[in-house]
PDB file of N, CA and C in Angstrom:
ATOM      1  N   UNK A   1     212.239 -49.694-117.422  1.00  0.00           N
ATOM      2  CA  UNK A   1     212.371 -51.257-116.926  1.00  0.00           C
ATOM      3  C   UNK A   1     211.454 -51.994-116.234  1.00  0.00           C
ATOM      4  N   UNK A   2     211.065 -53.155-116.752  1.00  0.00           N
ATOM      5  CA  UNK A   2     210.007 -53.778-116.186  1.00  0.00           C
ATOM      6  C   UNK A   2     210.493 -54.266-114.747  1.00  0.00           C
ATOM      7  N   UNK A   3     209.534 -54.207-113.757  1.00  0.00           N
ATOM      8  CA  UNK A   3     209.655 -54.918-112.580  1.00  0.00           C
ATOM      9  C   UNK A   3     209.923 -56.415-112.671  1.00  0.00           C
ATOM     10  N   UNK A   4     210.740 -57.265-111.970  1.00  0.00           N
ATOM     11  CA  UNK A   4     211.033 -58.745-111.770  1.00  0.00           C
ATOM     12  C   UNK A   4     209.515 -59.281-111.060  1.00  0.00           C
ATOM     13  N   UNK A   5     208.988 -58.268-110.369  1.00  0.00           N
ATOM     14  CA  UNK A   5     207.656 -59.052-109.874  1.00  0.00           C
ATOM     15  C   UNK A   5     206.515 -59.297-110.259  1.00  0.00           C
ATOM     16  N   UNK A   6     205.986 -57.578-110.957  1.00  0.00           N
ATOM     17  CA  UNK A   6     204.846 -57.713-111.539  1.00  0.00           C
ATOM     18  C   UNK A   6     204.699 -57.214-112.992  1.00  0.00           C
ATOM     19  N   UNK A   7     206.103 -56.976-113.545  1.00  0.00           N
ATOM     20  CA  UNK A   7     206.068 -56.895-114.852  1.00  0.00           C
ATOM     21  C   UNK A   7     205.246 -55.753-115.109  1.00  0.00           C
ATOM     22  N   UNK A   8     205.447 -54.823-114.528  1.00  0.00           N
ATOM     23  CA  UNK A   8     205.038 -53.152-114.526  1.00  0.00           C
ATOM     24  C   UNK A   8     206.199 -52.412-115.044  1.00  0.00           C
ATOM     25  N   UNK A   9     205.828 -51.154-115.406  1.00  0.00           N
ATOM     26  CA  UNK A   9     207.331 -50.024-115.251  1.00  0.00           C
ATOM     27  C   UNK A   9     207.687 -49.720-114.118  1.00  0.00           C
ATOM     28  N   UNK A  10     208.891 -49.393-114.034  1.00  0.00           N
ATOM     29  CA  UNK A  10     209.518 -48.839-112.574  1.00  0.00           C
ATOM     30  C   UNK A  10     210.231 -47.499-113.118  1.00  0.00           C
ATOM     31  N   UNK A  11     210.305 -46.754-111.773  1.00  0.00           N
ATOM     32  CA  UNK A  11     211.182 -46.043-111.836  1.00  0.00           C
ATOM     33  C   UNK A  11     212.726 -45.585-111.192  1.00  0.00           C
ATOM     34  N   UNK A  12     213.628 -45.127-111.376  1.00  0.00           N
ATOM     35  CA  UNK A  12     215.018 -44.608-110.858  1.00  0.00           C
ATOM     36  C   UNK A  12     214.594 -43.760-109.624  1.00  0.00           C
ATOM     37  N   UNK A  13     214.971 -44.521-108.453  1.00  0.00           N
ATOM     38  CA  UNK A  13     214.803 -43.738-107.456  1.00  0.00           C
ATOM     39  C   UNK A  13     216.136 -43.087-106.931  1.00  0.00           C
ATOM     40  N   UNK A  14     217.253 -43.869-107.163  1.00  0.00           N
ATOM     41  CA  UNK A  14     218.580 -43.125-107.210  1.00  0.00           C
ATOM     42  C   UNK A  14     219.500 -43.645-108.036  1.00  0.00           C
ATOM     43  N   UNK A  15     220.695 -43.051-107.929  1.00  0.00           N
ATOM     44  CA  UNK A  15     221.788 -43.729-108.585  1.00  0.00           C
ATOM     45  C   UNK A  15     223.089 -43.705-108.118  1.00  0.00           C
ATOM     46  N   UNK A  16     224.115 -44.656-108.143  1.00  0.00           N
ATOM     47  CA  UNK A  16     225.205 -44.795-107.629  1.00  0.00           C
ATOM     48  C   UNK A  16     226.305 -45.033-108.468  1.00  0.00           C
ATOM     49  N   UNK A  17     227.540 -44.092-108.769  1.00  0.00           N
ATOM     50  CA  UNK A  17     228.509 -44.388-109.589  1.00  0.00           C
ATOM     51  C   UNK A  17     229.649 -44.674-108.746  1.00  0.00           C
ATOM     52  N   UNK A  18     229.900 -45.013-107.412  1.00  0.00           N
ATOM     53  CA  UNK A  18     231.025 -45.130-106.556  1.00  0.00           C
ATOM     54  C   UNK A  18     232.029 -45.907-107.233  1.00  0.00           C
ATOM     55  N   UNK A  19     231.647 -47.329-107.767  1.00  0.00           N
ATOM     56  CA  UNK A  19     232.602 -48.029-108.574  1.00  0.00           C
ATOM     57  C   UNK A  19     233.258 -47.363-109.913  1.00  0.00           C
ATOM     58  N   UNK A  20     234.453 -46.891-110.282  1.00  0.00           N
ATOM     59  CA  UNK A  20     234.631 -46.810-111.726  1.00  0.00           C
ATOM     60  C   UNK A  20     234.077 -47.807-112.606  1.00  0.00           C
ATOM     61  N   UNK A  21     233.718 -47.373-113.855  1.00  0.00           N
ATOM     62  CA  UNK A  21     233.050 -48.330-114.675  1.00  0.00           C
ATOM     63  C   UNK A  21     231.857 -49.282-114.512  1.00  0.00           C
ATOM     64  N   UNK A  22     230.987 -48.755-113.327  1.00  0.00           N
ATOM     65  CA  UNK A  22     229.894 -49.460-113.260  1.00  0.00           C
ATOM     66  C   UNK A  22     228.662 -48.454-112.473  1.00  0.00           C
ATOM     67  N   UNK A  23     227.557 -48.623-113.118  1.00  0.00           N
ATOM     68  CA  UNK A  23     226.567 -47.613-112.815  1.00  0.00           C
ATOM     69  C   UNK A  23     225.483 -48.609-111.795  1.00  0.00           C
ATOM     70  N   UNK A  24     224.963 -48.481-110.728  1.00  0.00           N
ATOM     71  CA  UNK A  24     223.927 -48.919-110.380  1.00  0.00           C
ATOM     72  C   UNK A  24     222.735 -48.040-110.068  1.00  0.00           C
ATOM     73  N   UNK A  25     221.313 -48.667-110.385  1.00  0.00           N
ATOM     74  CA  UNK A  25     220.403 -47.875-110.275  1.00  0.00           C
ATOM     75  C   UNK A  25     219.281 -48.376-109.480  1.00  0.00           C
ATOM     76  N   UNK A  26     218.917 -47.933-108.468  1.00  0.00           N
ATOM     77  CA  UNK A  26     218.024 -48.411-107.418  1.00  0.00           C
ATOM     78  C   UNK A  26     216.515 -47.942-107.823  1.00  0.00           C
ATOM     79  N   UNK A  27     215.751 -48.671-108.058  1.00  0.00           N
ATOM     80  CA  UNK A  27     214.368 -48.885-108.851  1.00  0.00           C
ATOM     81  C   UNK A  27     213.214 -49.010-107.988  1.00  0.00           C
ATOM     82  N   UNK A  28     212.053 -48.752-108.342  1.00  0.00           N
ATOM     83  CA  UNK A  28     210.960 -48.981-107.526  1.00  0.00           C
ATOM     84  C   UNK A  28     209.806 -48.891-108.569  1.00  0.00           C
ATOM     85  N   UNK A  29     209.095 -49.904-108.435  1.00  0.00           N
ATOM     86  CA  UNK A  29     207.853 -50.223-109.465  1.00  0.00           C
ATOM     87  C   UNK A  29     206.754 -49.289-109.240  1.00  0.00           C
ATOM     88  N   UNK A  30     206.223 -49.058-110.220  1.00  0.00           N
ATOM     89  CA  UNK A  30     205.117 -47.559-110.219  1.00  0.00           C
ATOM     90  C   UNK A  30     203.860 -48.491-109.559  1.00  0.00           C
ATOM     91  N   UNK A  31     203.632 -49.594-109.597  1.00  0.00           N
ATOM     92  CA  UNK A  31     202.432 -50.861-109.679  1.00  0.00           C
ATOM     93  C   UNK A  31     202.633 -51.496-108.088  1.00  0.00           C
ATOM     94  N   UNK A  32     203.305 -52.031-107.750  1.00  0.00           N
ATOM     95  CA  UNK A  32     203.375 -52.574-106.344  1.00  0.00           C
ATOM     96  C   UNK A  32     204.618 -52.185-105.515  1.00  0.00           C
ATOM     97  N   UNK A  33     205.067 -51.186-105.827  1.00  0.00           N
ATOM     98  CA  UNK A  33     206.057 -50.763-105.059  1.00  0.00           C
ATOM     99  C   UNK A  33     207.163 -51.430-104.418  1.00  0.00           C
ATOM    100  N   UNK A  34     207.340 -52.598-105.056  1.00  0.00           N
ATOM    101  CA  UNK A  34     208.846 -53.364-105.311  1.00  0.00           C
ATOM    102  C   UNK A  34     209.932 -52.595-105.599  1.00  0.00           C
ATOM    103  N   UNK A  35     211.336 -52.483-104.599  1.00  0.00           N
ATOM    104  CA  UNK A  35     212.494 -51.964-104.854  1.00  0.00           C
ATOM    105  C   UNK A  35     213.094 -52.818-105.391  1.00  0.00           C
ATOM    106  N   UNK A  36     213.999 -52.769-106.450  1.00  0.00           N
ATOM    107  CA  UNK A  36     215.344 -53.406-106.905  1.00  0.00           C
ATOM    108  C   UNK A  36     216.013 -52.648-107.326  1.00  0.00           C
ATOM    109  N   UNK A  37     217.461 -53.421-107.629  1.00  0.00           N
ATOM    110  CA  UNK A  37     218.686 -52.824-107.920  1.00  0.00           C
ATOM    111  C   UNK A  37     219.119 -53.263-109.360  1.00  0.00           C
ATOM    112  N   UNK A  38     219.283 -52.668-110.196  1.00  0.00           N
ATOM    113  CA  UNK A  38     219.946 -52.795-111.613  1.00  0.00           C
ATOM    114  C   UNK A  38     221.828 -52.328-111.436  1.00  0.00           C
ATOM    115  N   UNK A  39     222.475 -53.166-112.547  1.00  0.00           N
ATOM    116  CA  UNK A  39     223.847 -52.553-112.333  1.00  0.00           C
ATOM    117  C   UNK A  39     223.908 -52.500-113.816  1.00  0.00           C
ATOM    118  N   UNK A  40     225.243 -51.873-114.314  1.00  0.00           N
ATOM    119  CA  UNK A  40     225.198 -51.489-115.853  1.00  0.00           C
ATOM    120  C   UNK A  40     226.745 -51.588-115.802  1.00  0.00           C
ATOM    121  N   UNK A  41     227.427 -52.711-116.189  1.00  0.00           N
ATOM    122  CA  UNK A  41     228.977 -52.685-116.271  1.00  0.00           C
ATOM    123  C   UNK A  41     229.547 -51.585-117.389  1.00  0.00           C
ATOM    124  N   UNK A  42     230.794 -51.836-117.585  1.00  0.00           N
ATOM    125  CA  UNK A  42     231.283 -50.918-118.206  1.00  0.00           C
ATOM    126  C   UNK A  42     231.347 -51.401-120.151  1.00  0.00           C
ATOM    127  N   UNK A  43     231.336 -52.578-120.126  1.00  0.00           N
ATOM    128  CA  UNK A  43     231.309 -53.139-121.546  1.00  0.00           C
ATOM    129  C   UNK A  43     229.416 -52.557-121.942  1.00  0.00           C
ATOM    130  N   UNK A  44     228.734 -52.348-121.154  1.00  0.00           N
ATOM    131  CA  UNK A  44     227.024 -51.686-121.592  1.00  0.00           C
ATOM    132  C   UNK A  44     227.352 -50.157-121.385  1.00  0.00           C
ATOM    133  N   UNK A  45     227.705 -49.852-120.737  1.00  0.00           N
ATOM    134  CA  UNK A  45     228.128 -48.080-120.420  1.00  0.00           C
ATOM    135  C   UNK A  45     228.919 -47.880-121.871  1.00  0.00           C
ATOM    136  N   UNK A  46     230.317 -48.351-122.416  1.00  0.00           N
ATOM    137  CA  UNK A  46     230.711 -48.072-123.568  1.00  0.00           C
ATOM    138  C   UNK A  46     229.611 -48.106-124.839  1.00  0.00           C
ATOM    139  N   UNK A  47     229.293 -49.442-124.743  1.00  0.00           N
ATOM    140  CA  UNK A  47     228.147 -49.664-125.940  1.00  0.00           C
ATOM    141  C   UNK A  47     226.974 -48.676-126.130  1.00  0.00           C
ATOM    142  N   UNK A  48     226.816 -47.956-125.191  1.00  0.00           N
ATOM    143  CA  UNK A  48     225.750 -47.010-125.067  1.00  0.00           C
ATOM    144  C   UNK A  48     226.184 -45.806-125.465  1.00  0.00           C
ATOM    145  N   UNK A  49     227.245 -45.431-124.868  1.00  0.00           N
ATOM    146  CA  UNK A  49     228.107 -43.901-125.645  1.00  0.00           C
ATOM    147  C   UNK A  49     228.121 -43.939-126.727  1.00  0.00           C
ATOM    148  N   UNK A  50     228.531 -44.985-127.171  1.00  0.00           N
ATOM    149  CA  UNK A  50     229.215 -45.220-128.500  1.00  0.00           C
ATOM    150  C   UNK A  50     227.682 -45.128-129.607  1.00  0.00           C
ATOM    151  N   UNK A  51     226.573 -45.523-129.187  1.00  0.00           N
ATOM    152  CA  UNK A  51     225.577 -45.219-129.838  1.00  0.00           C
ATOM    153  C   UNK A  51     224.820 -44.000-130.039  1.00  0.00           C
ATOM    154  N   UNK A  52     225.151 -43.323-128.494  1.00  0.00           N
ATOM    155  CA  UNK A  52     224.588 -41.750-128.534  1.00  0.00           C
ATOM    156  C   UNK A  52     225.294 -40.841-128.778  1.00  0.00           C
ATOM    157  N   UNK A  53     227.077 -41.080-129.046  1.00  0.00           N
ATOM    158  CA  UNK A  53     227.602 -40.113-129.253  1.00  0.00           C
ATOM    159  C   UNK A  53     228.469 -40.510-130.975  1.00  0.00           C
ATOM    160  N   UNK A  54     227.835 -40.476-131.851  1.00  0.00           N
ATOM    161  CA  UNK A  54     228.158 -40.891-133.382  1.00  0.00           C
ATOM    162  C   UNK A  54     228.700 -39.500-134.052  1.00  0.00           C
ATOM    163  N   UNK A  55     229.717 -39.820-134.750  1.00  0.00           N
ATOM    164  CA  UNK A  55     230.199 -38.835-135.245  1.00  0.00           C
ATOM    165  C   UNK A  55     230.031 -38.707-136.933  1.00  0.00           C
ATOM    166  N   UNK A  56     229.829 -37.138-137.359  1.00  0.00           N
ATOM    167  CA  UNK A  56     230.432 -37.432-138.838  1.00  0.00           C
ATOM    168  C   UNK A  56     229.030 -38.127-139.540  1.00  0.00           C
ATOM    169  N   UNK A  57     229.622 -38.698-140.352  1.00  0.00           N
ATOM    170  CA  UNK A  57     228.683 -39.462-141.398  1.00  0.00           C
ATOM    171  C   UNK A  57     227.596 -40.403-140.721  1.00  0.00           C
ATOM    172  N   UNK A  58     228.263 -41.090-139.735  1.00  0.00           N
ATOM    173  CA  UNK A  58     227.111 -42.187-138.674  1.00  0.00           C
ATOM    174  C   UNK A  58     226.201 -41.276-138.096  1.00  0.00           C
ATOM    175  N   UNK A  59     226.024 -40.144-137.678  1.00  0.00           N
ATOM    176  CA  UNK A  59     225.086 -39.337-137.227  1.00  0.00           C
ATOM    177  C   UNK A  59     224.121 -39.269-138.563  1.00  0.00           C
ATOM    178  N   UNK A  60     222.523 -39.479-138.121  1.00  0.00           N
ATOM    179  CA  UNK A  60     221.554 -39.810-139.079  1.00  0.00           C
ATOM    180  C   UNK A  60     221.385 -38.506-139.824  1.00  0.00           C
ATOM    181  N   UNK A  61     221.370 -37.245-139.212  1.00  0.00           N
ATOM    182  CA  UNK A  61     220.847 -36.355-139.739  1.00  0.00           C
ATOM    183  C   UNK A  61     221.819 -35.329-140.169  1.00  0.00           C
ATOM    184  N   UNK A  62     223.047 -35.718-140.822  1.00  0.00           N
ATOM    185  CA  UNK A  62     224.579 -35.591-141.221  1.00  0.00           C
ATOM    186  C   UNK A  62     223.963 -34.661-142.531  1.00  0.00           C
ATOM    187  N   UNK A  63     224.365 -33.814-143.014  1.00  0.00           N
ATOM    188  CA  UNK A  63     223.975 -33.322-144.249  1.00  0.00           C
ATOM    189  C   UNK A  63     225.659 -33.107-144.671  1.00  0.00           C
ATOM    190  N   UNK A  64     226.679 -33.336-144.318  1.00  0.00           N
ATOM    191  CA  UNK A  64     227.945 -33.119-144.722  1.00  0.00           C
ATOM    192  C   UNK A  64     228.551 -34.837-144.663  1.00  0.00           C
ATOM    193  N   UNK A  65     229.256 -34.979-145.504  1.00  0.00           N
ATOM    194  CA  UNK A  65     230.443 -35.994-145.588  1.00  0.00           C
ATOM    195  C   UNK A  65     231.536 -35.708-145.141  1.00  0.00           C
ATOM    196  N   UNK A  66     232.750 -36.611-144.980  1.00  0.00           N
ATOM    197  CA  UNK A  66     234.144 -36.512-144.983  1.00  0.00           C
ATOM    198  C   UNK A  66     234.495 -35.545-146.007  1.00  0.00           C
ATOM    199  N   UNK A  67     234.172 -36.021-147.098  1.00  0.00           N
ATOM    200  CA  UNK A  67     234.809 -35.639-148.495  1.00  0.00           C
ATOM    201  C   UNK A  67     234.316 -33.941-148.700  1.00  0.00           C
ATOM    202  N   UNK A  68     232.829 -33.813-148.569  1.00  0.00           N
ATOM    203  CA  UNK A  68     232.300 -32.290-148.402  1.00  0.00           C
ATOM    204  C   UNK A  68     232.890 -31.306-147.068  1.00  0.00           C
ATOM    205  N   UNK A  69     233.243 -31.929-146.528  1.00  0.00           N
ATOM    206  CA  UNK A  69     234.251 -31.023-145.132  1.00  0.00           C
ATOM    207  C   UNK A  69     235.786 -30.843-145.794  1.00  0.00           C
ATOM    208  N   UNK A  70     236.187 -31.821-146.371  1.00  0.00           N
ATOM    209  CA  UNK A  70     237.571 -31.418-146.965  1.00  0.00           C
ATOM    210  C   UNK A  70     237.234 -30.528-148.014  1.00  0.00           C
ATOM    211  N   UNK A  71     236.341 -30.327-148.683  1.00  0.00           N
ATOM    212  CA  UNK A  71     235.797 -29.466-149.792  1.00  0.00           C
ATOM    213  C   UNK A  71     235.794 -27.925-149.436  1.00  0.00           C
ATOM    214  N   UNK A  72     235.259 -28.042-148.228  1.00  0.00           N
ATOM    215  CA  UNK A  72     234.819 -26.728-147.575  1.00  0.00           C
ATOM    216  C   UNK A  72     235.863 -26.116-146.852  1.00  0.00           C
ATOM    217  N   UNK A  73     236.774 -26.786-146.602  1.00  0.00           N
ATOM    218  CA  UNK A  73     237.794 -26.304-145.742  1.00  0.00           C
ATOM    219  C   UNK A  73     238.682 -25.911-146.933  1.00  0.00           C
ATOM    220  N   UNK A  74     238.759 -26.843-148.213  1.00  0.00           N
ATOM    221  CA  UNK A  74     240.128 -26.301-148.767  1.00  0.00           C
ATOM    222  C   UNK A  74     239.251 -24.910-149.844  1.00  0.00           C
ATOM    223  N   UNK A  75     238.212 -24.788-149.614  1.00  0.00           N
ATOM    224  CA  UNK A  75     237.004 -23.769-150.335  1.00  0.00           C
ATOM    225  C   UNK A  75     237.447 -22.192-149.338  1.00  0.00           C
ATOM    226  N   UNK A  76     237.537 -22.873-148.091  1.00  0.00           N
ATOM    227  CA  UNK A  76     237.641 -21.214-147.202  1.00  0.00           C
ATOM    228  C   UNK A  76     239.113 -21.097-147.223  1.00  0.00           C
ATOM    229  N   UNK A  77     240.095 -21.862-147.382  1.00  0.00           N
ATOM    230  CA  UNK A  77     241.697 -21.848-147.399  1.00  0.00           C
ATOM    231  C   UNK A  77     241.809 -20.855-148.387  1.00  0.00           C
ATOM    232  N   UNK A  78     241.095 -20.735-149.253  1.00  0.00           N
ATOM    233  CA  UNK A  78     241.323 -20.134-150.861  1.00  0.00           C
ATOM    234  C   UNK A  78     240.445 -18.969-150.570  1.00  0.00           C
ATOM    235  N   UNK A  79     240.131 -18.619-149.341  1.00  0.00           N
ATOM    236  CA  UNK A  79     239.203 -17.100-149.170  1.00  0.00           C
ATOM    237  C   UNK A  79     237.956 -16.819-149.287  1.00  0.00           C
ATOM    238  N   UNK A  80     237.336 -18.028-149.236  1.00  0.00           N
ATOM    239  CA  UNK A  80     235.748 -18.110-149.153  1.00  0.00           C
ATOM    240  C   UNK A  80     235.411 -17.911-147.121  1.00  0.00           C
ATOM    241  N   UNK A  81     234.333 -17.114-147.200  1.00  0.00           N
ATOM    242  CA  UNK A  81     233.902 -16.952-146.145  1.00  0.00           C
ATOM    243  C   UNK A  81     233.084 -17.994-145.410  1.00  0.00           C
ATOM    244  N   UNK A  82     232.914 -18.409-144.197  1.00  0.00           N
ATOM    245  CA  UNK A  82     231.800 -19.309-143.802  1.00  0.00           C
ATOM    246  C   UNK A  82     230.399 -19.326-144.370  1.00  0.00           C
ATOM    247  N   UNK A  83     229.818 -18.097-144.681  1.00  0.00           N
ATOM    248  CA  UNK A  83     228.898 -17.965-145.425  1.00  0.00           C
ATOM    249  C   UNK A  83     228.452 -18.269-146.941  1.00  0.00           C
ATOM    250  N   UNK A  84     229.700 -18.272-147.507  1.00  0.00           N
ATOM    251  CA  UNK A  84     229.802 -18.552-148.803  1.00  0.00           C
ATOM    252  C   UNK A  84     229.928 -20.462-148.810  1.00  0.00           C
ATOM    253  N   UNK A  85     230.502 -21.002-147.635  1.00  0.00           N
ATOM    254  CA  UNK A  85     230.573 -22.317-147.677  1.00  0.00           C
ATOM    255  C   UNK A  85     229.340 -22.677-147.544  1.00  0.00           C
ATOM    256  N   UNK A  86     228.501 -21.953-146.824  1.00  0.00           N
ATOM    257  CA  UNK A  86     227.174 -22.552-146.154  1.00  0.00           C
ATOM    258  C   UNK A  86     226.270 -22.535-147.504  1.00  0.00           C
ATOM    259  N   UNK A  87     226.370 -21.693-148.248  1.00  0.00           N
ATOM    260  CA  UNK A  87     225.627 -21.227-149.542  1.00  0.00           C
ATOM    261  C   UNK A  87     225.914 -22.543-150.766  1.00  0.00           C
ATOM    262  N   UNK A  88     227.464 -22.604-150.733  1.00  0.00           N
ATOM    263  CA  UNK A  88     227.551 -23.580-151.825  1.00  0.00           C
ATOM    264  C   UNK A  88     227.296 -25.204-151.438  1.00  0.00           C
ATOM    265  N   UNK A  89     227.443 -25.343-149.988  1.00  0.00           N
ATOM    266  CA  UNK A  89     227.127 -26.927-149.395  1.00  0.00           C
ATOM    267  C   UNK A  89     226.061 -27.071-148.700  1.00  0.00           C
ATOM    268  N   UNK A  90     224.940 -26.095-148.997  1.00  0.00           N
ATOM    269  CA  UNK A  90     223.617 -26.075-148.514  1.00  0.00           C
ATOM    270  C   UNK A  90     223.748 -26.669-147.357  1.00  0.00           C
ATOM    271  N   UNK A  91     224.327 -25.846-146.037  1.00  0.00           N
ATOM    272  CA  UNK A  91     224.104 -25.652-145.030  1.00  0.00           C
ATOM    273  C   UNK A  91     223.903 -24.787-143.719  1.00  0.00           C
ATOM    274  N   UNK A  92     223.584 -24.638-142.614  1.00  0.00           N
ATOM    275  CA  UNK A  92     223.317 -23.464-142.143  1.00  0.00           C
ATOM    276  C   UNK A  92     224.866 -22.711-141.557  1.00  0.00           C
ATOM    277  N   UNK A  93     225.000 -21.715-141.706  1.00  0.00           N
ATOM    278  CA  UNK A  93     226.337 -20.558-141.602  1.00  0.00           C
ATOM    279  C   UNK A  93     227.071 -21.520-140.229  1.00  0.00           C
ATOM    280  N   UNK A  94     226.365 -21.512-138.951  1.00  0.00           N
ATOM    281  CA  UNK A  94     227.104 -21.808-138.372  1.00  0.00           C
ATOM    282  C   UNK A  94     227.678 -23.746-138.324  1.00  0.00           C
ATOM    283  N   UNK A  95     226.975 -24.409-139.080  1.00  0.00           N
ATOM    284  CA  UNK A  95     227.286 -25.534-139.243  1.00  0.00           C
ATOM    285  C   UNK A  95     228.932 -25.505-140.037  1.00  0.00           C
ATOM    286  N   UNK A  96     228.599 -24.715-140.802  1.00  0.00           N
ATOM    287  CA  UNK A  96     229.785 -24.187-141.910  1.00  0.00           C
ATOM    288  C   UNK A  96     231.011 -23.948-141.372  1.00  0.00           C
ATOM    289  N   UNK A  97     231.038 -22.619-140.279  1.00  0.00           N
ATOM    290  CA  UNK A  97     231.799 -21.978-139.692  1.00  0.00           C
ATOM    291  C   UNK A  97     232.593 -23.267-138.793  1.00  0.00           C
ATOM    292  N   UNK A  98     232.037 -24.254-138.053  1.00  0.00           N
ATOM    293  CA  UNK A  98     232.406 -25.006-137.234  1.00  0.00           C
ATOM    294  C   UNK A  98     233.089 -26.044-138.038  1.00  0.00           C
ATOM    295  N   UNK A  99     232.557 -26.448-138.764  1.00  0.00           N
ATOM    296  CA  UNK A  99     233.454 -27.491-139.646  1.00  0.00           C
ATOM    297  C   UNK A  99     234.672 -27.010-140.152  1.00  0.00           C
ATOM    298  N   UNK A 100     234.630 -25.592-140.414  1.00  0.00           N
ATOM    299  CA  UNK A 100     235.978 -25.103-141.148  1.00  0.00           C
ATOM    300  C   UNK A 100     236.821 -24.790-140.090  1.00  0.00           C
ATOM    301  N   UNK A 101     236.885 -24.429-138.976  1.00  0.00           N
ATOM    302  CA  UNK A 101     237.553 -24.366-138.008  1.00  0.00           C
ATOM    303  C   UNK A 101     237.803 -25.947-136.947  1.00  0.00           C
ATOM    304  N   UNK A 102     236.980 -26.536-137.174  1.00  0.00           N
ATOM    305  CA  UNK A 102     237.317 -27.877-136.636  1.00  0.00           C
ATOM    306  C   UNK A 102     236.740 -27.750-135.207  1.00  0.00           C
ATOM    307  N   UNK A 103     235.831 -27.090-134.487  1.00  0.00           N
ATOM    308  CA  UNK A 103     234.931 -27.387-133.731  1.00  0.00           C
ATOM    309  C   UNK A 103     234.028 -28.888-133.617  1.00  0.00           C
ATOM    310  N   UNK A 104     234.031 -28.896-135.065  1.00  0.00           N
ATOM    311  CA  UNK A 104     233.009 -30.215-135.490  1.00  0.00           C
ATOM    312  C   UNK A 104     233.690 -30.729-136.538  1.00  0.00           C
ATOM    313  N   UNK A 105     233.554 -32.245-136.590  1.00  0.00           N
ATOM    314  CA  UNK A 105     234.084 -32.935-137.591  1.00  0.00           C
ATOM    315  C   UNK A 105     235.619 -32.704-137.429  1.00  0.00           C
ATOM    316  N   UNK A 106     236.172 -32.718-135.957  1.00  0.00           N
ATOM    317  CA  UNK A 106     237.288 -32.698-135.707  1.00  0.00           C
ATOM    318  C   UNK A 106     238.391 -34.070-136.420  1.00  0.00           C
ATOM    319  N   UNK A 107     237.444 -35.336-136.605  1.00  0.00           N
ATOM    320  CA  UNK A 107     238.446 -36.315-136.977  1.00  0.00           C
ATOM    321  C   UNK A 107     239.070 -36.140-138.258  1.00  0.00           C
ATOM    322  N   UNK A 108     238.257 -35.299-138.975  1.00  0.00           N
ATOM    323  CA  UNK A 108     238.590 -35.005-140.570  1.00  0.00           C
ATOM    324  C   UNK A 108     239.789 -34.481-140.727  1.00  0.00           C
ATOM    325  N   UNK A 109     240.913 -34.883-141.357  1.00  0.00           N
ATOM    326  CA  UNK A 109     241.899 -34.056-141.534  1.00  0.00           C
ATOM    327  C   UNK A 109     242.322 -33.690-143.065  1.00  0.00           C
TER     328      UNK A 109
END
């Protein structure tokens, strides 16, 4: 974040989360040593969490879709191993296992 006095970069000195739903950051400018406080309200916190914690197809690196997860689970229910599912759907075995048992893609029913 930029310093309001000289427009240089600043760094966080300490963090305060005493009030629920609010974060206060105490900052110090790296150039002029000016100290200032920034606050982040509940709306900004919720918006940031939504961006950081995307699930399923919304995640940019996802190889799977909700439909392929459903197919993979049906394939596994028919007796296929997680290794077979991984080969069939071109993902890592750990990814296939987590999708099958519900550790990931929990929102897909």
